[in-house]
Every structure is written in structure tokens, then in C-alpha cells.
Amino acid sequence: MNKALVALFASLIVLTAPARADENPAVVDALSGYLDFAEYGSSLIWPEQIPADDWNKVFIVDARDAAQFEKEHIPGAVNIEWRQAVARRAELPRDRMVVVYCNSGSLSAQAVFALRLLGYDNVKVLQDGFEGWKKKGGFEAYARASQPAGH
């Protein structure tokens, strides 16, 4: 199935520039196959699910643009803009969790979806993004949580 997903993603790149109204049955079948087995929450993680001591074990990717990254970011994060996630995927470790975030989670979700299609099962979206991470207490979100995470 991974070879099919890689072929699907390559097809998507070719077929989406420029955007087309036609549907490609092979692409539809591959996407449907992936989504049939995707579990809700399997690619999501909330800040309060990561204990403060575990953040140093996580490879953190800030998927925002360089200007936003320079202004403020999660300490220890590397900046890989969401559009570059596939092209720079070799920089991502396969042996530990990779958490990708943007401001709210929507752009990072696109990057994570593409990476998961390519077989990166260790990649997760930081639910609610950087803003949610700050609002929930940053590295201390786990300790401050009033209820179990995993919404």
C-alpha cells in the first residue's frame, strides 16, 4: 500500500498544477483507501498530551513562514514551511515523534496529511497550533490540564 500511496502523491503533484476539474480514478481510489483506514486522532496531538520532560524527545517542526518563525516559535523547533514539508521530508527523523504546527493547525494539517500519505506514521499535527500551545501553557500544558487530553 505504501508504494501505491507514493504513486498517488506523485500523481497529485502532476495533476494539480494547474487545478483540474477532472477526477482521476486512480487518485480517488488511493485517497479513499488511505482515508478508509485513517483513525480520528491518529495524526493529532494536543499540547496537554505531552509531559514537559517529553518535549525534548519530540522533533518539532514550525510550518509557518520564516518571518513568523523568527518573531516567535516553540523552543527547539526547526522551521520547515508547510509547502516544503514533502520536499524536505528527508530532514525528518523516522525513529521518534514529529510534531508539526502552524498558528492554528490548518496549514500544518495539510503538510502532515501529505507526509502520512508518504508513509510517515510518526508525524502529528499539534492541535490548535502555536496559539493553542501558548494559551494552554506551552511546555507546562500537560501539568496544567484539568482533564485528560484526547478530545
C-alpha atoms as a PDB file:
ATOM      1  CA  MET A   1       0.000   0.000   0.000  1.00  0.00           C
ATOM      2  CA  ASN A   2       2.898   2.420   0.655  1.00  0.00           C
ATOM      3  CA  LYS A   3       4.031   2.175  -2.975  1.00  0.00           C
ATOM      4  CA  ALA A   4       0.510   2.977  -4.067  1.00  0.00           C
ATOM      5  CA  LEU A   5       0.436   5.993  -1.773  1.00  0.00           C
ATOM      6  CA  VAL A   6       3.756   7.272  -3.110  1.00  0.00           C
ATOM      7  CA  ALA A   7       2.462   6.854  -6.653  1.00  0.00           C
ATOM      8  CA  LEU A   8      -0.718   8.637  -5.647  1.00  0.00           C
ATOM      9  CA  PHE A   9       1.143  11.584  -4.224  1.00  0.00           C
ATOM     10  CA  ALA A  10       3.348  11.881  -7.298  1.00  0.00           C
ATOM     11  CA  SER A  11       0.203  11.809  -9.423  1.00  0.00           C
ATOM     12  CA  LEU A  12      -1.373  14.504  -7.287  1.00  0.00           C
ATOM     13  CA  ILE A  13       1.580  16.805  -7.829  1.00  0.00           C
ATOM     14  CA  VAL A  14       1.422  16.350 -11.589  1.00  0.00           C
ATOM     15  CA  LEU A  15      -2.338  16.646 -11.767  1.00  0.00           C
ATOM     16  CA  THR A  16      -2.835  19.693  -9.573  1.00  0.00           C
ATOM     17  CA  ALA A  17      -0.753  22.221 -11.495  1.00  0.00           C
ATOM     18  CA  PRO A  18      -2.945  23.878 -12.751  1.00  0.00           C
ATOM     19  CA  ALA A  19      -6.027  22.774 -10.827  1.00  0.00           C
ATOM     20  CA  ARG A  20      -8.270  20.462 -12.824  1.00  0.00           C
ATOM     21  CA  ALA A  21     -11.966  19.785 -12.722  1.00  0.00           C
ATOM     22  CA  ASP A  22     -11.481  16.198 -13.979  1.00  0.00           C
ATOM     23  CA  GLU A  23     -11.279  13.402 -11.475  1.00  0.00           C
ATOM     24  CA  ASN A  24      -8.563  10.815 -11.841  1.00  0.00           C
ATOM     25  CA  PRO A  25      -9.983   7.448 -10.712  1.00  0.00           C
ATOM     26  CA  ALA A  26      -6.567   6.193  -9.551  1.00  0.00           C
ATOM     27  CA  VAL A  27      -6.106   9.226  -7.319  1.00  0.00           C
ATOM     28  CA  VAL A  28      -9.633   8.939  -5.940  1.00  0.00           C
ATOM     29  CA  ASP A  29      -9.147   5.218  -5.207  1.00  0.00           C
ATOM     30  CA  ALA A  30      -5.809   5.781  -3.467  1.00  0.00           C
ATOM     31  CA  LEU A  31      -7.161   8.632  -1.330  1.00  0.00           C
ATOM     32  CA  SER A  32     -10.257   6.635  -0.453  1.00  0.00           C
ATOM     33  CA  GLY A  33      -8.099   3.677   0.515  1.00  0.00           C
ATOM     34  CA  TYR A  34      -5.994   5.832   2.798  1.00  0.00           C
ATOM     35  CA  LEU A  35      -8.976   7.547   4.403  1.00  0.00           C
ATOM     36  CA  ASP A  36     -10.778   4.224   4.928  1.00  0.00           C
ATOM     37  CA  PHE A  37      -8.027   3.201   7.340  1.00  0.00           C
ATOM     38  CA  ALA A  38      -7.230   6.588   8.906  1.00  0.00           C
ATOM     39  CA  GLU A  39      -8.285   6.791  12.539  1.00  0.00           C
ATOM     40  CA  TYR A  40      -9.501  10.015  14.088  1.00  0.00           C
ATOM     41  CA  GLY A  41      -6.782  11.365  16.275  1.00  0.00           C
ATOM     42  CA  SER A  42      -4.017   9.171  14.870  1.00  0.00           C
ATOM     43  CA  SER A  43      -2.336  12.202  13.346  1.00  0.00           C
ATOM     44  CA  LEU A  44      -3.338  14.686  16.060  1.00  0.00           C
ATOM     45  CA  ILE A  45      -1.770  15.535  19.382  1.00  0.00           C
ATOM     46  CA  TRP A  46      -2.803  18.145  21.919  1.00  0.00           C
ATOM     47  CA  PRO A  47      -0.238  20.134  23.933  1.00  0.00           C
ATOM     48  CA  GLU A  48      -1.614  18.690  27.149  1.00  0.00           C
ATOM     49  CA  GLN A  49      -0.784  15.155  25.962  1.00  0.00           C
ATOM     50  CA  ILE A  50       2.969  15.797  26.089  1.00  0.00           C
ATOM     51  CA  PRO A  51       4.578  15.980  29.544  1.00  0.00           C
ATOM     52  CA  ALA A  52       7.133  18.790  29.874  1.00  0.00           C
ATOM     53  CA  ASP A  53      10.027  16.324  30.156  1.00  0.00           C
ATOM     54  CA  ASP A  54       8.985  14.572  26.924  1.00  0.00           C
ATOM     55  CA  TRP A  55       9.148  17.673  24.703  1.00  0.00           C
ATOM     56  CA  ASN A  56      12.923  17.208  24.347  1.00  0.00           C
ATOM     57  CA  LYS A  57      12.259  13.777  22.770  1.00  0.00           C
ATOM     58  CA  VAL A  58       9.931  15.256  20.129  1.00  0.00           C
ATOM     59  CA  PHE A  59      11.172  16.620  16.792  1.00  0.00           C
ATOM     60  CA  ILE A  60       9.200  19.869  16.500  1.00  0.00           C
ATOM     61  CA  VAL A  61       8.530  21.488  13.123  1.00  0.00           C
ATOM     62  CA  ASP A  62       7.256  25.042  12.814  1.00  0.00           C
ATOM     63  CA  ALA A  63       5.423  25.022   9.476  1.00  0.00           C
ATOM     64  CA  ARG A  64       4.891  28.795   9.366  1.00  0.00           C
ATOM     65  CA  ASP A  65       6.902  31.156   7.180  1.00  0.00           C
ATOM     66  CA  ALA A  66      10.403  32.276   8.191  1.00  0.00           C
ATOM     67  CA  ALA A  67       9.270  35.728   9.374  1.00  0.00           C
ATOM     68  CA  GLN A  68       6.770  34.261  11.843  1.00  0.00           C
ATOM     69  CA  PHE A  69       9.338  31.705  12.998  1.00  0.00           C
ATOM     70  CA  GLU A  70      11.928  34.427  13.613  1.00  0.00           C
ATOM     71  CA  LYS A  71       9.443  36.500  15.601  1.00  0.00           C
ATOM     72  CA  GLU A  72       8.440  33.675  17.952  1.00  0.00           C
ATOM     73  CA  HIS A  73       8.390  29.868  17.967  1.00  0.00           C
ATOM     74  CA  ILE A  74       8.361  26.851  20.237  1.00  0.00           C
ATOM     75  CA  PRO A  75      11.895  26.492  21.624  1.00  0.00           C
ATOM     76  CA  GLY A  76      13.760  23.707  19.845  1.00  0.00           C
ATOM     77  CA  ALA A  77      11.584  23.820  16.732  1.00  0.00           C
ATOM     78  CA  VAL A  78      13.012  23.767  13.212  1.00  0.00           C
ATOM     79  CA  ASN A  79      11.399  25.868  10.514  1.00  0.00           C
ATOM     80  CA  ILE A  80      10.117  23.890   7.534  1.00  0.00           C
ATOM     81  CA  GLU A  81       7.346  25.852   5.858  1.00  0.00           C
ATOM     82  CA  TRP A  82       4.260  23.678   5.282  1.00  0.00           C
ATOM     83  CA  ARG A  83       4.646  23.871   1.495  1.00  0.00           C
ATOM     84  CA  GLN A  84       8.182  22.459   1.800  1.00  0.00           C
ATOM     85  CA  ALA A  85       7.305  19.503   4.035  1.00  0.00           C
ATOM     86  CA  VAL A  86       7.362  16.920   1.261  1.00  0.00           C
ATOM     87  CA  ALA A  87      10.475  18.305  -0.437  1.00  0.00           C
ATOM     88  CA  ARG A  88      12.348  18.402   2.897  1.00  0.00           C
ATOM     89  CA  ARG A  89      10.990  15.156   4.338  1.00  0.00           C
ATOM     90  CA  ALA A  90      14.480  13.617   4.489  1.00  0.00           C
ATOM     91  CA  GLU A  91      15.197  16.021   7.369  1.00  0.00           C
ATOM     92  CA  LEU A  92      12.517  14.372   9.499  1.00  0.00           C
ATOM     93  CA  PRO A  93      13.513  11.530  11.807  1.00  0.00           C
ATOM     94  CA  ARG A  94      11.679   8.226  11.442  1.00  0.00           C
ATOM     95  CA  ASP A  95      12.592   6.934  14.899  1.00  0.00           C
ATOM     96  CA  ARG A  96      10.704   9.423  17.085  1.00  0.00           C
ATOM     97  CA  MET A  97       7.580  11.530  17.115  1.00  0.00           C
ATOM     98  CA  VAL A  98       7.489  14.540  14.804  1.00  0.00           C
ATOM     99  CA  VAL A  99       5.037  17.287  15.805  1.00  0.00           C
ATOM    100  CA  VAL A 100       4.191  19.878  13.162  1.00  0.00           C
ATOM    101  CA  TYR A 101       2.473  23.151  13.991  1.00  0.00           C
ATOM    102  CA  CYS A 102       1.404  26.423  12.393  1.00  0.00           C
ATOM    103  CA  ASN A 103      -0.645  29.201  14.018  1.00  0.00           C
ATOM    104  CA  SER A 104      -3.914  27.294  14.313  1.00  0.00           C
ATOM    105  CA  GLY A 105      -3.276  23.801  12.929  1.00  0.00           C
ATOM    106  CA  SER A 106      -4.861  24.111   9.475  1.00  0.00           C
ATOM    107  CA  LEU A 107      -1.732  24.521   7.315  1.00  0.00           C
ATOM    108  CA  SER A 108       0.291  22.050   9.352  1.00  0.00           C
ATOM    109  CA  ALA A 109      -2.558  19.560   8.903  1.00  0.00           C
ATOM    110  CA  GLN A 110      -2.072  19.744   5.135  1.00  0.00           C
ATOM    111  CA  ALA A 111       1.648  19.067   5.498  1.00  0.00           C
ATOM    112  CA  VAL A 112       1.036  16.163   7.883  1.00  0.00           C
ATOM    113  CA  PHE A 113      -1.609  14.663   5.589  1.00  0.00           C
ATOM    114  CA  ALA A 114       0.862  14.666   2.700  1.00  0.00           C
ATOM    115  CA  LEU A 115       3.627  13.165   4.851  1.00  0.00           C
ATOM    116  CA  ARG A 116       1.326  10.462   6.196  1.00  0.00           C
ATOM    117  CA  LEU A 117       0.322   9.567   2.647  1.00  0.00           C
ATOM    118  CA  LEU A 118       4.036   9.027   2.047  1.00  0.00           C
ATOM    119  CA  GLY A 119       4.271   6.643   4.997  1.00  0.00           C
ATOM    120  CA  TYR A 120       5.420   8.948   7.809  1.00  0.00           C
ATOM    121  CA  ASP A 121       3.249   7.436  10.545  1.00  0.00           C
ATOM    122  CA  ASN A 122       5.237   9.194  13.278  1.00  0.00           C
ATOM    123  CA  VAL A 123       4.140  12.684  12.179  1.00  0.00           C
ATOM    124  CA  LYS A 124       1.393  14.509  14.074  1.00  0.00           C
ATOM    125  CA  VAL A 125      -0.366  17.883  13.943  1.00  0.00           C
ATOM    126  CA  LEU A 126      -0.219  19.986  17.093  1.00  0.00           C
ATOM    127  CA  GLN A 127      -3.938  20.563  17.557  1.00  0.00           C
ATOM    128  CA  ASP A 128      -4.771  24.274  17.888  1.00  0.00           C
ATOM    129  CA  GLY A 129      -1.271  25.191  16.679  1.00  0.00           C
ATOM    130  CA  PHE A 130       1.139  27.645  18.225  1.00  0.00           C
ATOM    131  CA  GLU A 131      -1.617  29.864  19.569  1.00  0.00           C
ATOM    132  CA  GLY A 132      -3.268  26.952  21.366  1.00  0.00           C
ATOM    133  CA  TRP A 133       0.099  25.785  22.700  1.00  0.00           C
ATOM    134  CA  LYS A 134       0.714  29.222  24.241  1.00  0.00           C
ATOM    135  CA  LYS A 135      -2.837  29.544  25.585  1.00  0.00           C
ATOM    136  CA  LYS A 136      -2.654  26.125  27.269  1.00  0.00           C
ATOM    137  CA  GLY A 137       0.659  26.875  28.973  1.00  0.00           C
ATOM    138  CA  GLY A 138       3.305  25.795  26.478  1.00  0.00           C
ATOM    139  CA  PHE A 139       5.568  23.068  27.835  1.00  0.00           C
ATOM    140  CA  GLU A 140       3.504  23.070  31.041  1.00  0.00           C
ATOM    141  CA  ALA A 141       0.171  22.303  29.306  1.00  0.00           C
ATOM    142  CA  TYR A 142       0.261  18.684  30.490  1.00  0.00           C
ATOM    143  CA  ALA A 143       0.703  19.701  34.136  1.00  0.00           C
ATOM    144  CA  ARG A 144      -1.940  22.433  33.878  1.00  0.00           C
ATOM    145  CA  ALA A 145      -4.592  20.281  32.167  1.00  0.00           C
ATOM    146  CA  SER A 146      -7.780  19.994  34.193  1.00  0.00           C
ATOM    147  CA  GLN A 147      -8.993  16.961  32.254  1.00  0.00           C
ATOM    148  CA  PRO A 148      -7.383  14.180  30.221  1.00  0.00           C
ATOM    149  CA  ALA A 149      -6.404  15.166  26.691  1.00  0.00           C
ATOM    150  CA  GLY A 150      -7.539  13.384  23.571  1.00  0.00           C
ATOM    151  CA  HIS A 151     -10.762  15.240  22.963  1.00  0.00           C
END
